[in-house]
Amino acid sequence: MMQVVLLLLGVAVSHAGRTCYKTLMDKSGDSITASKGNSIGTVDVQDVMIIEMTVSIGVLNSSPSELWESVLHIGNTNSERYPGIWFHSAAGTEGNLDGFTLSYGTTSNWNPWQDITAAGNKFTNNQVVSYKSIQTQDRLTIIQDGQTLYDGAWNPHPLASAVNVYVGDPWYEPADITITNLMIKTEESCSKTRRGEPIVGYLNSGESSGQTVTLTCKRGINAIAAIYGANCRRGDQGSLPGGERQDGPMKEECYGKTSCDYTIDHTEIGDPCSGTVKDFYYAYTCTGNKYGVNVGSLGISEASGQSFTISCEGDDMVIKVADAIYGLNCQITPRVCGAYSGLAYGTSASPLDVTSYVQDACNGESECTYTVDHTVLGDPCSCVVKDFVYAYQCVPSEMIDDDSLKVKVDYNLMVAQGIQQEGQVNMMMKVFYQESILIKSLIVLVGLLSMYGLYQ
């Protein structure tokens, strides 16, 4: 039998645009039928509330004498609606109130209802509907069956703890529905790491001052670098364009600890552009990584078209890019054009992770100038003046090739094992890239065992 050894090419790891979530309630494995006062648990109402569910409708207007039938309600009283979702008795008839009727309560209005149904797409008996809503402190987005039915400015909502989630509330008759795939989530600070590399995170869903980030290292926190207000622009009130470095305050608070909660407080660290909602970007290393970490930003104006230069001093020291993000401020900076000019995107646009692009240009160089170009990278949020942030280390050149995620096998050995035709190599590479990490590991192990057998 032919033995197979795969040639694993050194391919830069790319990361998709990141939005990180914290689950508040997971009923995705349950099938929940509405009944009056059917509480399925409690959640804490956060600044960002995301609801996803599938609603299977039985008979619309199953209680003909009732004006409203309850589908889902988050709130401990009828006047707490975070949200409330109902069918009106007119549901199923073309026109107003022919689908879901929603009320996402705010601090100024407990019942700002919305009639949400796609035009010409009234609900029917035995219909199955996919529903998702994203509510922030300034925006509401409603998505039904993959179609955005509402995406507009919304007033702030109150925060609350231990709030009941009802499938069929106590105040109205229940709709004839069953809910499956129910998930209630919020957003939280993102961070990512690969073994032995800097840990990178950010805050970008509201003003960072007053929010807290958590740093953790089993052996202790080492180097720290941070920027507050990378989205500050020339011309902003009191502006330091590109934000202000905050390495010192974070290091004073967190250095050497195995876990550290750091709260951004502009009254303590200063405000790089007062009156502007600011993001926060940070990177740190753990004890054992002796090469430190640095961060930078482009923030004078729109980042696309601007360039930055990074360099490393010392014999045989070169650049190793850990992270790069275009449009970290997408969710908090008002648009300057289009139908929603003057309004922030809310959660409808995520920053673009462009790490692999900067790695390809700069890794292994002692000095590198990189120009941001949205026609190459893509535009994560049109009509927003976007910032650009990045993190990197200066390391010995041999570390650029010393990556635990890459395995190299000599091609001549591959030929000796019987894989000689280019088409076969391409086919095996395609299979390899499509497999899971576990399967890849098994393939690598088989390859190494094959090599060992050959040399025996």
Protein backbone atom coordinates (compact mmCIF):
# COMPACT_ATOMS: atom_id res chain seq x y z
CA MET A 1 0.00 0.00 0.00
CA MET A 2 1.28 3.45 -0.93
CA GLN A 3 2.32 5.51 2.05
CA VAL A 4 1.27 9.18 1.94
CA VAL A 5 3.10 12.16 3.37
CA LEU A 6 1.55 15.60 2.93
CA LEU A 7 3.66 18.65 2.26
CA LEU A 8 2.32 21.28 4.63
CA LEU A 9 3.15 24.64 3.12
CA GLY A 10 3.88 27.64 5.37
CA VAL A 11 0.62 29.56 5.01
CA ALA A 12 -0.12 32.66 7.09
CA VAL A 13 -3.08 32.18 9.42
CA SER A 14 -5.87 34.60 8.62
CA HIS A 15 -8.57 35.66 11.06
CA ALA A 16 -12.11 36.63 10.08
CA GLY A 17 -13.64 39.84 11.36
CA ARG A 18 -14.22 39.33 15.08
CA THR A 19 -17.26 39.99 17.17
CA CYS A 20 -17.21 38.20 20.52
CA TYR A 21 -20.30 37.11 22.42
CA LYS A 22 -21.33 36.08 25.91
CA THR A 23 -24.33 33.76 26.17
CA LEU A 24 -27.00 34.93 28.61
CA MET A 25 -29.46 32.10 27.88
CA ASP A 26 -29.05 29.02 25.72
CA LYS A 27 -32.24 27.10 24.97
CA SER A 28 -31.06 26.06 21.52
CA GLY A 29 -31.67 22.39 22.30
CA ASP A 30 -35.19 22.91 23.64
CA SER A 31 -38.60 23.03 21.98
CA ILE A 32 -40.72 25.47 23.99
CA THR A 33 -44.46 25.80 23.50
CA ALA A 34 -46.04 29.07 24.57
CA SER A 35 -48.36 29.00 27.56
CA LYS A 36 -49.60 31.76 29.83
CA GLY A 37 -46.90 32.85 32.30
CA ASN A 38 -44.37 30.32 31.00
CA SER A 39 -41.09 31.61 32.47
CA ILE A 40 -38.11 29.67 31.11
CA GLY A 41 -35.49 31.41 33.25
CA THR A 42 -33.96 34.83 33.82
CA VAL A 43 -31.31 37.01 32.15
CA ASP A 44 -29.52 40.25 32.96
CA VAL A 45 -30.39 43.02 30.51
CA GLN A 46 -27.10 44.35 29.07
CA ASP A 47 -26.09 47.28 26.87
CA VAL A 48 -26.21 44.95 23.87
CA MET A 49 -29.00 42.37 23.67
CA ILE A 50 -29.10 39.81 20.84
CA ILE A 51 -32.07 37.43 20.48
CA GLU A 52 -32.11 34.57 17.97
CA MET A 53 -34.93 32.05 17.64
CA THR A 54 -37.04 29.99 15.27
CA VAL A 55 -40.81 30.40 15.69
CA SER A 56 -43.11 27.64 14.43
CA ILE A 57 -46.64 29.00 14.07
CA GLY A 58 -49.65 26.76 14.57
CA VAL A 59 -52.90 28.68 14.12
CA LEU A 60 -52.86 32.47 13.95
CA ASN A 61 -55.46 34.26 16.06
CA SER A 62 -56.03 31.08 18.05
CA SER A 63 -57.88 33.12 20.70
CA PRO A 64 -60.37 35.13 18.57
CA SER A 65 -61.67 37.13 21.49
CA GLU A 66 -58.18 38.45 22.32
CA LEU A 67 -56.58 41.47 20.66
CA TRP A 68 -53.01 40.33 21.45
CA GLU A 69 -51.33 36.92 21.79
CA SER A 70 -47.94 36.67 23.48
CA VAL A 71 -44.94 35.11 21.74
CA LEU A 72 -41.89 36.17 23.83
CA HIS A 73 -41.51 38.64 26.68
CA ILE A 74 -38.39 39.66 28.62
CA GLY A 75 -39.45 41.61 31.70
CA ASN A 76 -40.82 41.13 35.21
CA THR A 77 -43.89 43.32 34.61
CA ASN A 78 -46.04 44.18 31.62
CA SER A 79 -44.38 47.60 31.45
CA GLU A 80 -40.89 46.05 31.31
CA ARG A 81 -40.49 45.09 27.67
CA TYR A 82 -36.91 44.10 26.75
CA PRO A 83 -38.64 43.20 24.42
CA GLY A 84 -42.25 42.05 24.22
CA ILE A 85 -43.31 40.25 21.03
CA TRP A 86 -46.93 39.49 20.12
CA PHE A 87 -49.34 38.60 17.36
CA HIS A 88 -52.21 41.04 16.84
CA SER A 89 -55.64 39.67 16.01
CA ALA A 90 -55.05 41.02 12.49
CA ALA A 91 -51.97 38.81 12.05
CA GLY A 92 -52.23 36.80 8.85
CA THR A 93 -54.18 39.46 6.97
CA GLU A 94 -52.26 41.65 4.53
CA GLY A 95 -51.68 45.13 5.90
CA ASN A 96 -50.62 46.54 9.24
CA LEU A 97 -49.97 44.19 12.19
CA ASP A 98 -49.85 41.15 9.89
CA GLY A 99 -46.74 39.62 11.50
CA PHE A 100 -44.79 40.19 14.71
CA THR A 101 -45.61 43.31 16.71
CA LEU A 102 -42.67 44.31 18.90
CA SER A 103 -41.99 46.64 21.79
CA TYR A 104 -38.35 47.25 22.76
CA GLY A 105 -38.69 49.47 25.83
CA THR A 106 -36.41 52.47 26.41
CA THR A 107 -35.62 54.71 29.37
CA SER A 108 -38.05 57.31 28.03
CA ASN A 109 -40.83 55.11 26.62
CA TRP A 110 -41.82 51.70 27.96
CA ASN A 111 -43.86 50.86 24.86
CA PRO A 112 -42.26 52.06 21.59
CA TRP A 113 -43.91 49.40 19.44
CA GLN A 114 -42.99 48.40 15.91
CA ASP A 115 -44.97 46.41 13.34
CA ILE A 116 -42.37 44.20 11.67
CA THR A 117 -43.27 42.18 8.60
CA ALA A 118 -41.84 42.19 5.11
CA ALA A 119 -44.20 43.85 2.63
CA GLY A 120 -46.31 41.27 0.84
CA ASN A 121 -45.14 38.57 3.23
CA LYS A 122 -47.93 38.19 5.79
CA PHE A 123 -47.73 35.33 8.26
CA THR A 124 -49.74 32.16 7.61
CA ASN A 125 -50.80 29.17 9.65
CA ASN A 126 -48.09 26.49 10.01
CA GLN A 127 -45.35 28.91 8.96
CA VAL A 128 -41.80 28.67 10.37
CA VAL A 129 -40.04 32.00 10.89
CA SER A 130 -36.39 32.73 11.70
CA TYR A 131 -36.01 35.81 13.91
CA LYS A 132 -33.04 37.83 15.14
CA SER A 133 -32.85 41.19 16.88
CA ILE A 134 -29.84 43.28 17.94
CA GLN A 135 -30.52 46.09 20.39
CA THR A 136 -27.79 48.48 21.53
CA GLN A 137 -28.04 51.70 23.49
CA ASP A 138 -28.53 53.65 20.26
CA ARG A 139 -29.76 51.24 17.60
CA LEU A 140 -32.24 48.44 16.87
CA THR A 141 -31.87 45.89 14.07
CA ILE A 142 -34.54 43.28 13.24
CA ILE A 143 -33.76 40.42 10.86
CA GLN A 144 -36.46 37.96 9.77
CA ASP A 145 -35.72 34.97 7.55
CA GLY A 146 -32.38 36.57 6.67
CA GLN A 147 -33.96 39.86 5.57
CA THR A 148 -33.30 43.07 7.50
CA LEU A 149 -36.74 44.53 8.19
CA TYR A 150 -35.68 47.33 10.52
CA ASP A 151 -32.31 48.98 11.12
CA GLY A 152 -32.52 52.39 12.72
CA ALA A 153 -31.64 54.62 15.62
CA TRP A 154 -33.20 53.62 18.94
CA ASN A 155 -33.21 55.32 22.32
CA PRO A 156 -31.22 53.84 25.23
CA HIS A 157 -32.79 51.05 27.25
CA PRO A 158 -32.49 50.46 31.00
CA LEU A 159 -30.24 47.76 32.44
CA ALA A 160 -31.73 45.20 34.81
CA SER A 161 -30.80 42.01 36.66
CA ALA A 162 -32.63 38.67 36.96
CA VAL A 163 -35.35 39.51 34.43
CA ASN A 164 -37.85 36.78 33.50
CA VAL A 165 -37.94 35.37 29.98
CA TYR A 166 -41.47 34.26 29.09
CA VAL A 167 -42.63 32.18 26.15
CA GLY A 168 -46.20 33.32 26.67
CA ASP A 169 -46.32 36.17 29.19
CA PRO A 170 -48.65 36.35 32.25
CA TRP A 171 -50.67 39.32 30.94
CA TYR A 172 -51.97 38.13 27.55
CA GLU A 173 -53.17 34.88 26.11
CA PRO A 174 -50.37 32.81 24.53
CA ALA A 175 -49.93 32.55 20.79
CA ASP A 176 -50.14 29.12 19.22
CA ILE A 177 -46.39 28.88 18.64
CA THR A 178 -43.37 26.75 19.51
CA ILE A 179 -39.91 28.31 19.85
CA THR A 180 -36.72 26.42 19.05
CA ASN A 181 -33.06 27.48 18.69
CA LEU A 182 -33.52 30.25 21.27
CA MET A 183 -30.31 32.07 22.14
CA ILE A 184 -29.98 35.33 24.07
CA LYS A 185 -26.50 36.86 23.94
CA THR A 186 -24.57 40.05 24.53
CA GLU A 187 -21.29 41.32 23.17
CA GLU A 188 -18.09 41.36 25.17
CA SER A 189 -14.47 42.38 24.83
CA CYS A 190 -12.65 40.34 22.17
CA SER A 191 -9.26 38.80 22.60
CA LYS A 192 -7.33 36.23 20.63
CA THR A 193 -4.06 34.42 21.07
CA ARG A 194 -1.89 31.77 19.58
CA ARG A 195 0.42 29.87 21.89
CA GLY A 196 3.39 31.98 22.95
CA GLU A 197 2.19 35.07 21.08
CA PRO A 198 0.78 38.39 22.32
CA ILE A 199 -2.83 38.44 23.45
CA VAL A 200 -4.82 41.17 21.74
CA GLY A 201 -8.19 42.64 22.71
CA TYR A 202 -10.38 45.69 22.27
CA LEU A 203 -13.49 47.57 23.34
CA ASN A 204 -15.58 49.04 20.53
CA SER A 205 -19.31 48.83 21.36
CA GLY A 206 -19.62 52.14 23.20
CA GLU A 207 -17.51 54.68 25.08
CA SER A 208 -14.63 52.69 26.54
CA SER A 209 -14.30 54.81 29.67
CA GLY A 210 -16.18 52.99 32.40
CA GLN A 211 -15.74 49.56 30.78
CA THR A 212 -13.46 46.82 32.10
CA VAL A 213 -11.09 44.43 30.34
CA THR A 214 -9.65 41.28 31.90
CA LEU A 215 -6.07 40.17 31.36
CA THR A 216 -5.02 36.63 32.35
CA CYS A 217 -1.73 34.71 32.27
CA LYS A 218 -1.00 31.48 34.13
CA ARG A 219 2.57 32.59 34.90
CA GLY A 220 1.98 36.31 35.18
CA ILE A 221 1.35 39.29 32.90
CA ASN A 222 4.48 40.73 31.32
CA ALA A 223 4.63 43.43 28.63
CA ILE A 224 1.54 45.61 28.02
CA ALA A 225 0.71 48.15 25.30
CA ALA A 226 -2.57 50.02 24.82
CA ILE A 227 -4.21 52.91 22.97
CA TYR A 228 -7.29 54.83 24.15
CA GLY A 229 -9.17 56.60 21.37
CA ALA A 230 -7.50 55.35 18.18
CA ASN A 231 -10.51 56.85 16.39
CA CYS A 232 -9.74 60.41 17.58
CA ARG A 233 -9.45 62.66 14.55
CA ARG A 234 -7.64 65.89 13.80
CA GLY A 235 -10.18 68.61 14.55
CA ASP A 236 -11.95 66.74 17.37
CA GLN A 237 -12.20 68.77 20.57
CA GLY A 238 -8.86 68.62 22.40
CA SER A 239 -7.81 65.91 19.99
CA LEU A 240 -4.68 63.79 20.09
CA PRO A 241 -5.17 62.24 16.62
CA GLY A 242 -4.86 58.47 16.75
CA GLY A 243 -5.45 58.36 20.49
CA GLU A 244 -3.19 58.24 23.52
CA ARG A 245 -0.93 55.41 24.64
CA GLN A 246 -1.93 53.88 27.97
CA ASP A 247 0.88 51.37 28.52
CA GLY A 248 1.89 52.92 31.85
CA PRO A 249 -1.46 52.87 33.68
CA MET A 250 -2.25 49.31 32.60
CA LYS A 251 1.22 48.05 33.50
CA GLU A 252 1.08 49.72 36.90
CA GLU A 253 -2.23 47.97 37.57
CA CYS A 254 -1.58 44.55 36.01
CA TYR A 255 2.12 43.73 35.69
CA GLY A 256 3.08 40.40 37.26
CA LYS A 257 -0.48 39.37 38.11
CA THR A 258 -2.04 36.15 36.84
CA SER A 259 -5.40 37.90 36.43
CA CYS A 260 -6.21 41.59 36.28
CA ASP A 261 -9.42 43.55 35.77
CA TYR A 262 -8.55 46.95 34.35
CA THR A 263 -11.23 49.67 34.14
CA ILE A 264 -10.70 52.50 31.68
CA ASP A 265 -11.34 55.83 33.41
CA HIS A 266 -10.82 59.00 31.41
CA THR A 267 -10.83 61.08 34.59
CA GLU A 268 -7.65 59.25 35.63
CA ILE A 269 -5.83 58.67 32.33
CA GLY A 270 -7.02 61.72 30.38
CA ASP A 271 -9.33 62.18 27.42
CA PRO A 272 -7.64 62.26 23.99
CA CYS A 273 -10.72 63.78 22.31
CA SER A 274 -13.54 64.93 24.57
CA GLY A 275 -17.03 64.61 23.18
CA THR A 276 -16.09 61.64 20.97
CA VAL A 277 -17.08 58.04 21.73
CA LYS A 278 -13.70 56.28 21.88
CA ASP A 279 -12.48 52.72 21.35
CA PHE A 280 -9.74 50.99 23.34
CA TYR A 281 -7.11 48.61 21.92
CA TYR A 282 -4.58 46.60 23.91
CA ALA A 283 -2.00 43.82 23.64
CA TYR A 284 0.03 42.00 26.25
CA THR A 285 2.37 39.07 26.71
CA CYS A 286 2.76 36.50 29.44
CA THR A 287 5.89 35.62 31.40
CA GLY A 288 8.02 33.46 29.15
CA ASN A 289 7.62 35.70 26.10
CA LYS A 290 10.63 37.99 26.48
CA TYR A 291 10.22 40.08 23.36
CA GLY A 292 7.65 42.63 24.52
CA VAL A 293 4.85 44.02 22.37
CA ASN A 294 4.07 47.30 20.66
CA VAL A 295 0.86 48.81 19.28
CA GLY A 296 0.12 51.64 16.88
CA SER A 297 -2.74 53.40 15.14
CA LEU A 298 -3.70 55.60 12.22
CA GLY A 299 -6.23 58.19 13.28
CA ILE A 300 -5.58 61.60 11.76
CA SER A 301 -8.29 60.99 9.14
CA GLU A 302 -9.65 58.02 7.16
CA ALA A 303 -7.01 55.28 7.44
CA SER A 304 -7.29 54.14 3.82
CA GLY A 305 -4.59 55.93 1.89
CA GLN A 306 -2.40 56.46 4.95
CA SER A 307 0.85 54.63 5.66
CA PHE A 308 2.69 53.63 8.83
CA THR A 309 6.24 52.42 9.36
CA ILE A 310 7.37 49.90 11.95
CA SER A 311 10.96 48.85 12.57
CA CYS A 312 13.12 46.70 14.82
CA GLU A 313 16.60 47.52 16.04
CA GLY A 314 19.33 45.08 16.94
CA ASP A 315 21.21 42.34 15.11
CA ASP A 316 18.95 39.79 13.49
CA MET A 317 15.80 41.29 15.07
CA VAL A 318 12.81 41.40 12.72
CA ILE A 319 9.10 42.26 12.73
CA LYS A 320 6.47 39.70 13.68
CA VAL A 321 2.94 41.11 13.29
CA ALA A 322 0.46 39.86 15.89
CA ASP A 323 -2.70 41.72 14.86
CA ALA A 324 -4.12 44.37 12.55
CA ILE A 325 -7.70 45.72 12.46
CA TYR A 326 -9.29 48.15 10.01
CA GLY A 327 -12.35 50.02 11.25
CA LEU A 328 -12.23 49.21 14.95
CA ASN A 329 -14.53 52.22 15.39
CA CYS A 330 -17.19 51.08 12.89
CA GLN A 331 -19.83 50.57 15.59
CA ILE A 332 -19.33 53.86 17.43
CA THR A 333 -18.45 56.58 14.90
CA PRO A 334 -21.29 58.43 13.11
CA ARG A 335 -21.58 58.08 9.35
CA VAL A 336 -20.75 61.08 7.20
CA CYS A 337 -22.85 60.20 4.16
CA GLY A 338 -25.82 58.13 3.04
CA ALA A 339 -29.36 57.81 4.36
CA TYR A 340 -28.19 57.43 7.98
CA SER A 341 -25.68 60.28 7.97
CA GLY A 342 -24.93 61.41 11.51
CA LEU A 343 -25.90 58.07 13.08
CA ALA A 344 -23.53 55.38 14.32
CA TYR A 345 -23.80 51.90 12.87
CA GLY A 346 -24.67 50.21 16.16
CA THR A 347 -23.81 46.53 15.84
CA SER A 348 -24.58 46.23 12.14
CA ALA A 349 -20.94 46.52 11.09
CA SER A 350 -17.93 44.67 12.49
CA PRO A 351 -14.28 45.69 12.26
CA LEU A 352 -12.19 43.96 9.62
CA ASP A 353 -9.33 41.74 10.78
CA VAL A 354 -6.55 42.30 8.25
CA THR A 355 -3.71 40.65 10.17
CA SER A 356 -2.69 38.37 7.32
CA TYR A 357 -2.24 41.31 4.91
CA VAL A 358 0.18 43.13 7.21
CA GLN A 359 1.95 39.88 8.09
CA ASP A 360 2.54 39.14 4.41
CA ALA A 361 4.01 42.61 3.90
CA CYS A 362 6.07 42.99 7.08
CA ASN A 363 6.93 39.70 8.78
CA GLY A 364 10.66 39.01 8.71
CA GLU A 365 11.61 42.61 7.79
CA SER A 366 13.70 44.89 9.96
CA GLU A 367 11.68 47.86 8.71
CA CYS A 368 8.35 47.95 6.91
CA THR A 369 6.07 50.67 5.57
CA TYR A 370 2.49 49.54 5.04
CA THR A 371 -0.18 51.53 3.19
CA VAL A 372 -3.82 50.89 4.06
CA ASP A 373 -5.98 50.46 0.96
CA HIS A 374 -9.69 49.72 1.30
CA THR A 375 -9.86 48.54 -2.32
CA VAL A 376 -7.59 45.66 -1.30
CA LEU A 377 -8.77 45.03 2.26
CA GLY A 378 -12.47 45.74 1.78
CA ASP A 379 -14.59 48.38 3.49
CA PRO A 380 -16.13 47.21 6.79
CA CYS A 381 -18.40 50.25 7.15
CA SER A 382 -18.91 52.65 4.28
CA CYS A 383 -19.47 56.33 5.09
CA VAL A 384 -17.51 56.02 8.35
CA VAL A 385 -14.08 57.61 8.80
CA LYS A 386 -12.24 54.48 9.96
CA ASP A 387 -9.21 53.98 12.17
CA PHE A 388 -6.53 51.30 11.86
CA VAL A 389 -4.76 49.60 14.77
CA TYR A 390 -1.98 47.04 14.86
CA ALA A 391 0.26 45.10 17.24
CA TYR A 392 3.68 43.56 16.63
CA GLN A 393 6.83 42.23 18.24
CA CYS A 394 10.52 42.42 17.42
CA VAL A 395 11.91 38.89 17.50
CA PRO A 396 14.96 36.93 16.26
CA SER A 397 14.55 36.08 12.59
CA GLU A 398 14.43 32.34 13.24
CA MET A 399 11.16 32.82 15.15
CA ILE A 400 9.35 33.82 11.96
CA ASP A 401 9.73 30.26 10.68
CA ASP A 402 9.37 28.64 14.10
CA ASP A 403 5.60 28.45 14.10
CA SER A 404 3.85 25.55 15.82
CA LEU A 405 1.00 25.88 13.33
CA LYS A 406 3.30 25.04 10.38
CA VAL A 407 4.85 21.66 9.58
CA LYS A 408 7.32 21.27 6.74
CA VAL A 409 8.09 18.00 4.98
CA ASP A 410 10.72 17.61 2.28
CA TYR A 411 9.18 17.29 -1.19
CA ASN A 412 11.82 14.77 -2.28
CA LEU A 413 10.74 12.49 0.55
CA MET A 414 7.17 12.95 -0.67
CA VAL A 415 8.18 11.73 -4.12
CA ALA A 416 10.00 8.78 -2.58
CA GLN A 417 6.78 7.84 -0.84
CA GLY A 418 5.00 7.62 -4.17
CA ILE A 419 3.16 10.95 -4.63
CA GLN A 420 4.67 12.29 -7.80
CA GLN A 421 1.88 13.83 -9.82
CA GLU A 422 1.00 17.46 -9.29
CA GLY A 423 -2.71 16.72 -9.48
CA GLN A 424 -2.45 14.25 -6.61
CA VAL A 425 -0.61 16.78 -4.47
CA ASN A 426 -3.24 19.45 -5.17
CA MET A 427 -6.03 17.02 -4.37
CA MET A 428 -4.47 16.03 -1.06
CA MET A 429 -3.79 19.68 -0.16
CA LYS A 430 -7.44 20.56 -0.87
CA VAL A 431 -8.63 17.75 1.38
CA PHE A 432 -6.19 18.83 4.08
CA TYR A 433 -7.37 22.44 4.17
CA GLN A 434 -11.01 21.35 4.41
CA GLU A 435 -10.51 19.07 7.39
CA SER A 436 -10.79 19.94 11.07
CA ILE A 437 -7.77 20.57 13.30
CA LEU A 438 -8.12 17.07 14.77
CA ILE A 439 -8.08 15.42 11.35
CA LYS A 440 -5.15 17.59 10.30
CA SER A 441 -3.23 16.49 13.38
CA LEU A 442 -3.92 12.85 12.57
CA ILE A 443 -2.73 13.37 8.97
CA VAL A 444 0.48 14.98 10.22
CA LEU A 445 1.01 12.09 12.65
CA VAL A 446 0.53 9.54 9.85
CA GLY A 447 3.02 11.48 7.77
CA LEU A 448 5.62 11.53 10.51
CA LEU A 449 5.15 7.83 11.20
CA SER A 450 5.58 7.20 7.48
CA MET A 451 8.82 9.15 7.50
CA TYR A 452 10.04 7.14 10.48
CA GLY A 453 9.19 3.91 8.69
CA LEU A 454 11.07 5.04 5.57
CA TYR A 455 14.24 5.74 7.51
CA GLN A 456 14.03 2.39 9.26
